[in-house]
Amino acid sequence: MIDTMLHTAAGFGTGGISAWIQNNVVPIVLLVAAVAALWAGKSGNISKIVTILVCCVLGLSVLALATTGAGAEIGTWIVSLVRSPA
C-alpha cells in the first residue's frame, strides 16, 4: 500500500496514457481509414473503400455517443419526431 501511495505521489499512473488515447483516438482511426481507402483504391477495390468508410463513420458515431452521454437526448429527439405534441 505504501508503494502504491509513493508511485501515485511521484506521478506514476495511467492517467496520461488514458488522456492521450481519448484525445487522439478519432484522428488515428480516421488516418487508418484514409490509408486503407487509398490502398484499396490503388488496387481498384472501390466497394471495399465504401465499406471501410461506412464502418468507420458508424464506429465513430457509436464512440461519440458512448463518450458524450448524448444517447438519451438523441432518443428523446427521435421519439419527438414520431409522437405528436400533446
Protein backbone atom coordinates (compact mmCIF):
# COMPACT_ATOMS: atom_id res chain seq x y z
CA MET A 1 0.00 0.00 0.00
CA ILE A 2 2.84 2.37 0.79
CA ASP A 3 4.39 1.51 -2.59
CA THR A 4 1.15 2.49 -4.33
CA MET A 5 0.99 5.80 -2.50
CA LEU A 6 4.62 6.55 -3.33
CA HIS A 7 4.08 5.81 -7.03
CA THR A 8 0.94 7.95 -7.09
CA ALA A 9 2.68 10.79 -5.30
CA ALA A 10 5.61 10.54 -7.71
CA GLY A 11 3.26 10.96 -10.68
CA PHE A 12 3.17 7.39 -11.96
CA GLY A 13 -0.14 6.13 -13.28
CA THR A 14 -2.24 5.54 -16.36
CA GLY A 15 -3.93 8.95 -16.45
CA GLY A 16 -1.57 10.33 -19.09
CA ILE A 17 -1.96 7.35 -21.38
CA SER A 18 -5.74 7.34 -20.97
CA ALA A 19 -5.96 11.04 -21.75
CA TRP A 20 -3.73 10.66 -24.80
CA ILE A 21 -5.87 7.81 -26.15
CA GLN A 22 -9.10 9.75 -25.55
CA ASN A 23 -7.71 12.84 -27.27
CA ASN A 24 -6.19 11.03 -30.24
CA VAL A 25 -8.37 8.01 -30.98
CA VAL A 26 -10.56 9.74 -33.58
CA PRO A 27 -7.69 11.18 -35.66
CA ILE A 28 -5.86 7.85 -35.54
CA VAL A 29 -8.95 5.90 -36.66
CA LEU A 30 -9.56 8.40 -39.47
CA LEU A 31 -5.92 8.22 -40.53
CA VAL A 32 -6.02 4.41 -40.65
CA ALA A 33 -9.28 4.51 -42.62
CA ALA A 34 -7.80 7.01 -45.09
CA VAL A 35 -4.69 4.90 -45.62
CA ALA A 36 -6.83 1.78 -46.08
CA ALA A 37 -9.07 3.62 -48.55
CA LEU A 38 -6.10 4.85 -50.56
CA TRP A 39 -4.56 1.37 -50.56
CA ALA A 40 -7.83 -0.26 -51.69
CA GLY A 41 -8.38 2.46 -54.30
CA LYS A 42 -4.94 1.81 -55.71
CA SER A 43 -5.88 -1.79 -56.40
CA GLY A 44 -9.36 -0.90 -57.71
CA ASN A 45 -11.47 -2.18 -54.81
CA ILE A 46 -13.98 0.67 -54.66
CA SER A 47 -16.57 -1.43 -52.81
CA LYS A 48 -14.01 -2.12 -50.10
CA ILE A 49 -13.40 1.63 -49.74
CA VAL A 50 -17.10 2.32 -49.26
CA THR A 51 -17.41 -0.49 -46.73
CA ILE A 52 -14.41 0.74 -44.74
CA LEU A 53 -15.61 4.35 -44.69
CA VAL A 54 -19.18 3.44 -43.70
CA CYS A 55 -17.94 1.17 -40.91
CA CYS A 56 -15.56 3.89 -39.76
CA VAL A 57 -18.30 6.51 -39.62
CA LEU A 58 -20.66 4.16 -37.78
CA GLY A 59 -17.96 3.20 -35.31
CA LEU A 60 -17.04 6.82 -34.62
CA SER A 61 -20.72 7.66 -34.17
CA VAL A 62 -21.14 4.94 -31.56
CA LEU A 63 -17.92 6.05 -29.88
CA ALA A 64 -19.17 9.64 -29.77
CA LEU A 65 -22.49 8.55 -28.25
CA ALA A 66 -20.70 6.46 -25.65
CA THR A 67 -18.22 9.11 -24.59
CA THR A 68 -20.53 12.13 -24.56
CA GLY A 69 -23.58 10.52 -22.99
CA ALA A 70 -25.87 12.16 -25.54
CA GLY A 71 -27.80 8.93 -26.16
CA ALA A 72 -30.76 9.99 -24.02
CA GLU A 73 -31.08 13.34 -25.79
CA ILE A 74 -30.91 11.72 -29.22
CA GLY A 75 -33.50 9.13 -28.16
CA THR A 76 -35.82 11.90 -26.98
CA TRP A 77 -35.38 13.72 -30.29
CA ILE A 78 -36.18 10.58 -32.30
CA VAL A 79 -39.32 9.95 -30.24
CA SER A 80 -40.38 13.57 -30.74
CA LEU A 81 -40.24 13.03 -34.50
CA VAL A 82 -42.82 10.25 -34.29
CA ARG A 83 -45.02 11.37 -31.42
CA SER A 84 -47.40 14.27 -31.88
CA PRO A 85 -47.14 17.13 -29.37
CA ALA A 86 -49.67 16.92 -26.55
